[in-house]
Structure formats: C-alpha cells, structure tokens
Protein backbone atom coordinates (compact mmCIF):
# COMPACT_ATOMS: atom_id res chain seq x y z
CA MET A 1 -40.54 -42.44 -34.84
CA ALA A 2 -38.96 -40.70 -32.32
CA MET A 3 -38.68 -41.88 -28.28
CA ALA A 4 -39.75 -39.31 -25.73
CA ALA A 5 -37.05 -38.62 -22.92
CA GLY A 6 -39.73 -40.01 -20.19
CA GLU A 7 -39.28 -43.67 -22.18
CA ILE A 8 -35.94 -43.50 -22.02
CA GLU A 9 -35.73 -42.72 -17.99
CA ALA A 10 -38.14 -45.64 -17.72
CA LEU A 11 -35.98 -48.47 -19.57
CA ILE A 12 -32.77 -47.21 -17.65
CA ARG A 13 -34.82 -47.48 -14.53
CA GLU A 14 -36.53 -50.83 -15.34
CA ALA A 15 -32.37 -52.14 -15.84
CA LEU A 16 -31.05 -50.23 -12.74
CA PRO A 17 -33.50 -49.62 -10.14
CA ASP A 18 -31.24 -47.91 -8.09
CA ALA A 19 -29.97 -45.36 -10.81
CA LEU A 20 -30.37 -41.38 -10.81
CA VAL A 21 -30.97 -40.87 -14.07
CA THR A 22 -31.52 -37.70 -15.75
CA VAL A 23 -32.39 -37.11 -19.66
CA GLU A 24 -32.79 -34.39 -21.75
CA ASP A 25 -33.88 -33.40 -24.99
CA LEU A 26 -30.85 -31.81 -26.98
CA ALA A 27 -32.42 -30.74 -29.90
CA GLY A 28 -36.12 -30.55 -29.25
CA ASP A 29 -36.47 -33.32 -32.19
CA GLY A 30 -36.97 -36.51 -29.89
CA ASP A 31 -33.93 -37.95 -31.98
CA HIS A 32 -30.83 -36.15 -30.16
CA TYR A 33 -30.61 -37.03 -26.12
CA ALA A 34 -28.32 -36.62 -23.31
CA ALA A 35 -28.38 -38.86 -20.53
CA THR A 36 -26.69 -39.11 -17.02
CA VAL A 37 -26.83 -42.29 -15.05
CA VAL A 38 -25.29 -42.62 -11.64
CA SER A 39 -25.58 -46.30 -10.45
CA ALA A 40 -23.79 -48.31 -7.52
CA GLN A 41 -23.81 -51.15 -10.23
CA PHE A 42 -21.33 -49.20 -12.26
CA ARG A 43 -18.73 -49.37 -9.32
CA GLY A 44 -15.73 -50.93 -10.30
CA LEU A 45 -16.89 -51.21 -13.65
CA SER A 46 -14.80 -49.77 -16.89
CA ARG A 47 -16.81 -46.38 -18.56
CA VAL A 48 -16.99 -48.51 -21.82
CA ARG A 49 -18.97 -51.65 -19.81
CA GLN A 50 -21.56 -49.01 -18.06
CA HIS A 51 -22.13 -47.81 -21.38
CA GLN A 52 -22.67 -51.39 -22.70
CA ILE A 53 -25.05 -51.81 -19.43
CA VAL A 54 -26.68 -49.02 -20.47
CA TYR A 55 -27.50 -49.22 -24.18
CA ALA A 56 -28.80 -52.96 -23.46
CA ALA A 57 -31.69 -51.27 -21.29
CA LEU A 58 -32.54 -49.30 -24.48
CA ARG A 59 -33.38 -52.84 -25.92
CA GLY A 60 -31.97 -52.31 -29.53
CA ARG A 61 -33.45 -48.62 -30.15
CA MET A 62 -30.10 -47.04 -30.28
CA GLY A 63 -29.93 -46.10 -33.97
CA GLY A 64 -33.62 -46.50 -34.59
CA GLU A 65 -35.98 -45.18 -32.84
CA LEU A 66 -33.43 -43.40 -30.82
CA HIS A 67 -30.63 -41.24 -32.98
CA ALA A 68 -27.80 -40.11 -30.72
CA LEU A 69 -27.54 -40.27 -27.08
CA ALA A 70 -24.67 -38.39 -25.44
CA LEU A 71 -24.12 -40.57 -22.26
CA GLN A 72 -22.51 -39.76 -18.97
CA THR A 73 -22.13 -43.06 -16.26
CA SER A 74 -20.40 -43.08 -12.93
CA ALA A 75 -20.79 -44.79 -9.56
CA PRO A 76 -21.74 -42.47 -7.22
CA ASP A 77 -19.52 -41.04 -4.20
C-alpha cells in the first residue's frame, strides 16, 4: 500500500511543527519519494540524528507503506 506525499509531509510537520518540508514523488508510484526538511530543531545535531528524527516521525511506515525516501535535512541558516 502506497503513501501520499501529503501524508508524509503531515507526519513530519506534526513532529517538527517549525519545519519547512517538501516531498516529491520520484517515480509516480507512491513508493519512492525525496524529502527536504529544514528545522531549527536540527541545529547542533548530526545528520544521522536529524534523519532519525524524521524516520521516527513516520511512525514505522518506512519499509512498509513507504518503500524509499531520499532524505535531505538541515537547520536554517
């Protein structure tokens, strides 16, 4: 079962209300997405920790409903 881009964005925004989030369906199949997440909550955190926060926001859907997510995270300038 595929996920909609809007659902991915909503889950991330719920966990990171200040975030600027863009989600793009890479293959048009609802399974392969790219997401960019910019949040002040990432300031001072390693890239690995930033990604862990985003994956936690997806509530276990990675590898199931969501097959692949190319993720770019950062703190605002």
